[in-house]
N, C-alpha and C. Protein backbone atom coordinates (compact mmCIF):
# COMPACT_ATOMS: atom_id res chain seq x y z
N GLY A 1 -28.06 -109.86 229.63
CA GLY A 1 -28.32 -111.10 228.96
C GLY A 1 -28.30 -110.92 227.46
N ARG A 2 -28.40 -112.03 226.78
CA ARG A 2 -28.37 -112.04 225.32
C ARG A 2 -29.79 -112.22 224.79
N TYR A 3 -30.12 -111.46 223.76
CA TYR A 3 -31.44 -111.55 223.14
C TYR A 3 -31.32 -112.13 221.74
N ASP A 4 -32.21 -113.02 221.41
CA ASP A 4 -32.30 -113.53 220.04
C ASP A 4 -33.31 -112.67 219.31
N LEU A 5 -32.90 -112.14 218.17
CA LEU A 5 -33.78 -111.30 217.36
C LEU A 5 -33.94 -111.93 215.99
N LEU A 6 -35.10 -111.77 215.44
CA LEU A 6 -35.39 -112.27 214.10
C LEU A 6 -35.62 -111.09 213.19
N VAL A 7 -34.93 -111.07 212.07
CA VAL A 7 -35.15 -110.04 211.05
C VAL A 7 -35.78 -110.74 209.86
N MET A 8 -36.97 -110.26 209.49
CA MET A 8 -37.67 -110.86 208.35
C MET A 8 -37.76 -109.84 207.23
N ASP A 9 -37.48 -110.30 206.01
CA ASP A 9 -37.56 -109.45 204.83
C ASP A 9 -38.67 -110.00 203.94
N PHE A 10 -39.85 -109.39 204.05
CA PHE A 10 -41.00 -109.88 203.30
C PHE A 10 -40.83 -109.69 201.80
N SER A 11 -40.09 -108.67 201.40
CA SER A 11 -39.87 -108.47 199.97
C SER A 11 -38.98 -109.57 199.39
N ALA A 12 -38.20 -110.23 200.25
CA ALA A 12 -37.35 -111.34 199.81
C ALA A 12 -38.07 -112.68 199.91
N GLY A 13 -39.32 -112.66 200.41
CA GLY A 13 -40.11 -113.88 200.46
C GLY A 13 -40.10 -114.59 201.80
N ASP A 14 -39.56 -113.97 202.85
CA ASP A 14 -39.60 -114.59 204.17
C ASP A 14 -41.06 -114.80 204.58
N SER A 15 -41.33 -115.96 205.18
CA SER A 15 -42.71 -116.25 205.56
C SER A 15 -42.75 -117.19 206.75
N TRP A 16 -43.76 -118.08 206.78
CA TRP A 16 -43.96 -118.97 207.92
C TRP A 16 -42.72 -119.78 208.26
N GLU A 17 -42.03 -120.30 207.25
CA GLU A 17 -40.90 -121.20 207.51
C GLU A 17 -39.84 -120.52 208.38
N LYS A 18 -39.46 -119.32 208.02
CA LYS A 18 -38.43 -118.62 208.80
C LYS A 18 -38.94 -118.25 210.19
N LEU A 19 -40.16 -117.75 210.27
CA LEU A 19 -40.73 -117.35 211.55
C LEU A 19 -40.92 -118.54 212.48
N CYS A 20 -41.50 -119.60 211.98
CA CYS A 20 -41.80 -120.77 212.83
C CYS A 20 -40.53 -121.51 213.24
N THR A 21 -39.53 -121.52 212.38
CA THR A 21 -38.25 -122.12 212.75
C THR A 21 -37.64 -121.34 213.91
N PHE A 22 -37.69 -120.03 213.84
CA PHE A 22 -37.16 -119.18 214.90
C PHE A 22 -37.91 -119.40 216.21
N LEU A 23 -39.23 -119.53 216.13
CA LEU A 23 -40.06 -119.70 217.33
C LEU A 23 -40.16 -121.16 217.79
N ASP A 24 -39.59 -122.07 217.01
CA ASP A 24 -39.66 -123.50 217.29
C ASP A 24 -41.12 -123.96 217.39
N GLU A 25 -41.89 -123.56 216.39
CA GLU A 25 -43.31 -123.90 216.29
C GLU A 25 -43.57 -124.58 214.95
N PRO A 26 -44.63 -125.38 214.85
CA PRO A 26 -44.96 -126.00 213.56
C PRO A 26 -45.39 -124.96 212.53
N ILE A 27 -45.13 -125.25 211.28
CA ILE A 27 -45.47 -124.33 210.19
C ILE A 27 -46.94 -124.50 209.83
N PRO A 28 -47.74 -123.42 209.89
CA PRO A 28 -49.17 -123.52 209.56
C PRO A 28 -49.40 -123.86 208.09
N GLN A 29 -50.57 -124.43 207.81
CA GLN A 29 -50.93 -124.80 206.45
C GLN A 29 -51.34 -123.58 205.61
N GLY A 30 -51.92 -122.56 206.26
CA GLY A 30 -52.45 -121.41 205.53
C GLY A 30 -51.36 -120.51 204.98
N ALA A 31 -51.76 -119.66 204.07
CA ALA A 31 -50.84 -118.70 203.48
C ALA A 31 -50.41 -117.67 204.51
N PHE A 32 -49.20 -117.16 204.36
CA PHE A 32 -48.69 -116.14 205.27
C PHE A 32 -49.44 -114.84 205.01
N PRO A 33 -49.92 -114.16 206.06
CA PRO A 33 -50.66 -112.91 205.83
C PRO A 33 -49.72 -111.86 205.24
N HIS A 34 -50.16 -111.25 204.18
CA HIS A 34 -49.30 -110.31 203.48
C HIS A 34 -49.70 -108.86 203.69
N ALA A 35 -50.76 -108.62 204.39
CA ALA A 35 -51.19 -107.24 204.62
C ALA A 35 -52.00 -107.16 205.90
N ASN A 36 -52.01 -106.00 206.51
CA ASN A 36 -52.87 -105.76 207.66
C ASN A 36 -54.27 -105.61 207.10
N LYS A 37 -55.14 -106.53 207.45
CA LYS A 37 -56.46 -106.57 206.85
C LYS A 37 -57.41 -105.67 207.63
N GLY A 38 -57.35 -104.40 207.37
CA GLY A 38 -58.25 -103.46 208.00
C GLY A 38 -59.61 -103.52 207.34
N LYS A 39 -60.55 -102.78 207.91
CA LYS A 39 -61.93 -102.81 207.42
C LYS A 39 -62.01 -102.45 205.93
N HIS A 40 -61.14 -101.58 205.47
CA HIS A 40 -61.17 -101.17 204.07
C HIS A 40 -60.68 -102.27 203.12
N ASN A 41 -60.06 -103.33 203.65
CA ASN A 41 -59.57 -104.43 202.82
C ASN A 41 -60.45 -105.66 202.86
N TYR A 42 -61.61 -105.59 203.51
CA TYR A 42 -62.48 -106.75 203.64
C TYR A 42 -63.02 -107.19 202.29
N ASN A 43 -63.05 -108.50 202.07
CA ASN A 43 -63.80 -109.00 200.93
C ASN A 43 -65.23 -109.25 201.41
N TRP A 44 -66.10 -109.74 200.58
CA TRP A 44 -67.51 -109.85 200.97
C TRP A 44 -67.72 -110.86 202.10
N ILE A 45 -66.90 -111.93 202.14
CA ILE A 45 -67.03 -112.91 203.22
C ILE A 45 -66.65 -112.28 204.56
N ASP A 46 -65.56 -111.50 204.55
CA ASP A 46 -65.14 -110.81 205.78
C ASP A 46 -66.23 -109.84 206.25
N SER A 47 -66.86 -109.17 205.31
CA SER A 47 -67.93 -108.22 205.66
C SER A 47 -69.11 -108.94 206.30
N VAL A 48 -69.48 -110.09 205.75
CA VAL A 48 -70.59 -110.86 206.33
C VAL A 48 -70.24 -111.30 207.74
N LYS A 49 -69.02 -111.81 207.95
CA LYS A 49 -68.59 -112.24 209.29
C LYS A 49 -68.60 -111.06 210.26
N PHE A 50 -68.13 -109.90 209.80
CA PHE A 50 -68.09 -108.71 210.64
C PHE A 50 -69.50 -108.35 211.12
N TRP A 51 -70.45 -108.32 210.18
CA TRP A 51 -71.81 -107.93 210.55
C TRP A 51 -72.51 -108.99 211.38
N LEU A 52 -72.24 -110.26 211.12
CA LEU A 52 -72.82 -111.32 211.96
C LEU A 52 -72.35 -111.20 213.40
N ARG A 53 -71.06 -110.91 213.58
CA ARG A 53 -70.53 -110.75 214.94
C ARG A 53 -71.20 -109.58 215.65
N ARG A 54 -71.50 -108.54 214.90
CA ARG A 54 -72.12 -107.36 215.51
C ARG A 54 -73.60 -107.57 215.80
N LEU A 55 -74.28 -108.35 214.98
CA LEU A 55 -75.72 -108.50 215.10
C LEU A 55 -76.16 -109.68 215.98
N VAL A 56 -75.35 -110.74 216.01
CA VAL A 56 -75.72 -111.93 216.78
C VAL A 56 -75.12 -111.81 218.19
N PRO A 57 -75.95 -111.87 219.22
CA PRO A 57 -75.45 -111.74 220.59
C PRO A 57 -74.39 -112.79 220.92
N LYS A 58 -73.44 -112.40 221.77
CA LYS A 58 -72.33 -113.27 222.14
C LYS A 58 -72.82 -114.59 222.74
N ALA A 59 -73.88 -114.55 223.54
CA ALA A 59 -74.39 -115.77 224.17
C ALA A 59 -74.83 -116.79 223.11
N ILE A 60 -75.44 -116.32 222.05
CA ILE A 60 -75.87 -117.22 220.97
C ILE A 60 -74.66 -117.78 220.24
N ARG A 61 -73.65 -116.93 220.01
CA ARG A 61 -72.43 -117.42 219.35
C ARG A 61 -71.75 -118.48 220.20
N ARG A 62 -71.74 -118.29 221.52
CA ARG A 62 -71.13 -119.29 222.42
C ARG A 62 -71.91 -120.60 222.38
N LYS A 63 -73.24 -120.52 222.37
CA LYS A 63 -74.06 -121.73 222.30
C LYS A 63 -73.79 -122.49 221.00
N ARG A 64 -73.58 -121.75 219.92
CA ARG A 64 -73.25 -122.37 218.63
C ARG A 64 -71.96 -123.18 218.75
N VAL A 65 -70.95 -122.59 219.40
CA VAL A 65 -69.68 -123.29 219.58
C VAL A 65 -69.87 -124.53 220.45
N GLU A 66 -70.66 -124.41 221.52
CA GLU A 66 -70.92 -125.56 222.39
C GLU A 66 -71.59 -126.69 221.61
N LEU A 67 -72.56 -126.34 220.77
CA LEU A 67 -73.25 -127.34 219.97
C LEU A 67 -72.29 -128.01 218.99
N LEU A 68 -71.45 -127.21 218.33
CA LEU A 68 -70.48 -127.78 217.39
C LEU A 68 -69.47 -128.68 218.10
N GLU A 69 -69.08 -128.30 219.34
CA GLU A 69 -68.18 -129.15 220.13
C GLU A 69 -68.82 -130.51 220.38
N LYS A 70 -70.08 -130.51 220.80
CA LYS A 70 -70.79 -131.76 221.10
C LYS A 70 -70.89 -132.64 219.85
N MET A 71 -70.98 -132.00 218.70
CA MET A 71 -71.07 -132.74 217.44
C MET A 71 -69.69 -133.16 216.93
N GLY A 72 -68.62 -132.69 217.62
CA GLY A 72 -67.26 -133.03 217.21
C GLY A 72 -66.76 -132.22 216.03
N LEU A 73 -67.37 -131.07 215.78
CA LEU A 73 -67.01 -130.24 214.63
C LEU A 73 -66.23 -128.99 215.00
N HIS A 74 -65.89 -128.83 216.28
CA HIS A 74 -65.17 -127.63 216.72
C HIS A 74 -64.26 -128.02 217.87
N SER A 75 -63.07 -127.45 217.90
CA SER A 75 -62.10 -127.81 218.93
C SER A 75 -62.40 -127.16 220.27
N GLY A 76 -63.27 -126.16 220.28
CA GLY A 76 -63.58 -125.47 221.52
C GLY A 76 -62.65 -124.31 221.82
N ARG A 77 -61.63 -124.15 220.99
CA ARG A 77 -60.69 -123.06 221.22
C ARG A 77 -61.23 -121.77 220.63
N ASN A 78 -61.03 -120.68 221.35
CA ASN A 78 -61.31 -119.36 220.79
C ASN A 78 -60.09 -118.99 219.96
N GLN A 79 -60.27 -118.63 218.73
CA GLN A 79 -59.14 -118.43 217.84
C GLN A 79 -58.61 -117.00 217.83
N PHE A 80 -59.15 -116.13 218.66
CA PHE A 80 -58.74 -114.74 218.60
C PHE A 80 -58.22 -114.27 219.95
N ASN A 81 -57.02 -113.71 219.97
CA ASN A 81 -56.45 -113.03 221.12
C ASN A 81 -56.39 -113.87 222.39
N ASN A 82 -55.99 -115.11 222.27
CA ASN A 82 -55.86 -115.98 223.43
C ASN A 82 -54.50 -116.66 223.41
N PHE A 83 -53.46 -115.86 223.56
CA PHE A 83 -52.09 -116.35 223.46
C PHE A 83 -51.83 -117.52 224.39
N HIS A 84 -52.20 -117.37 225.66
CA HIS A 84 -51.91 -118.41 226.65
C HIS A 84 -52.71 -119.68 226.37
N GLU A 85 -53.95 -119.52 225.96
CA GLU A 85 -54.77 -120.67 225.62
C GLU A 85 -54.19 -121.40 224.41
N HIS A 86 -53.71 -120.65 223.42
CA HIS A 86 -53.11 -121.26 222.24
C HIS A 86 -51.84 -122.02 222.63
N ARG A 87 -51.03 -121.43 223.49
CA ARG A 87 -49.79 -122.09 223.92
C ARG A 87 -50.12 -123.41 224.60
N LYS A 88 -51.09 -123.39 225.51
CA LYS A 88 -51.49 -124.61 226.22
C LYS A 88 -51.99 -125.65 225.22
N TRP A 89 -52.80 -125.25 224.24
CA TRP A 89 -53.33 -126.17 223.25
C TRP A 89 -52.20 -126.77 222.40
N ARG A 90 -51.23 -125.93 221.99
CA ARG A 90 -50.11 -126.42 221.19
C ARG A 90 -49.30 -127.45 221.97
N GLU A 91 -49.06 -127.18 223.26
CA GLU A 91 -48.29 -128.12 224.07
C GLU A 91 -49.02 -129.45 224.23
N GLU A 92 -50.34 -129.39 224.37
CA GLU A 92 -51.13 -130.62 224.52
C GLU A 92 -51.24 -131.41 223.22
N ASN A 93 -51.09 -130.74 222.09
CA ASN A 93 -51.32 -131.39 220.79
C ASN A 93 -50.06 -131.52 219.95
N LYS A 94 -48.91 -131.60 220.59
CA LYS A 94 -47.65 -131.77 219.82
C LYS A 94 -47.55 -133.17 219.29
């Protein structure tokens, strides 16, 4: 079979537009990530989020999301590592 491949040149300025056009997905509003943000690259906000995730039990974090959903302030989607959930959400919200 034939495979479609995308070659991106970040030094030439390739970003969301080229990637999303290739994937036939909407272009996100946020800036294109320009670096792998490892622990050594955290700014102070990232550090606070990191420590809150480690210190606050998962059950409490889930209750927070449930409360925000009831208030209409959260979509209910988990934003990390949920490819299939994201795909389903995108299809429902086109």
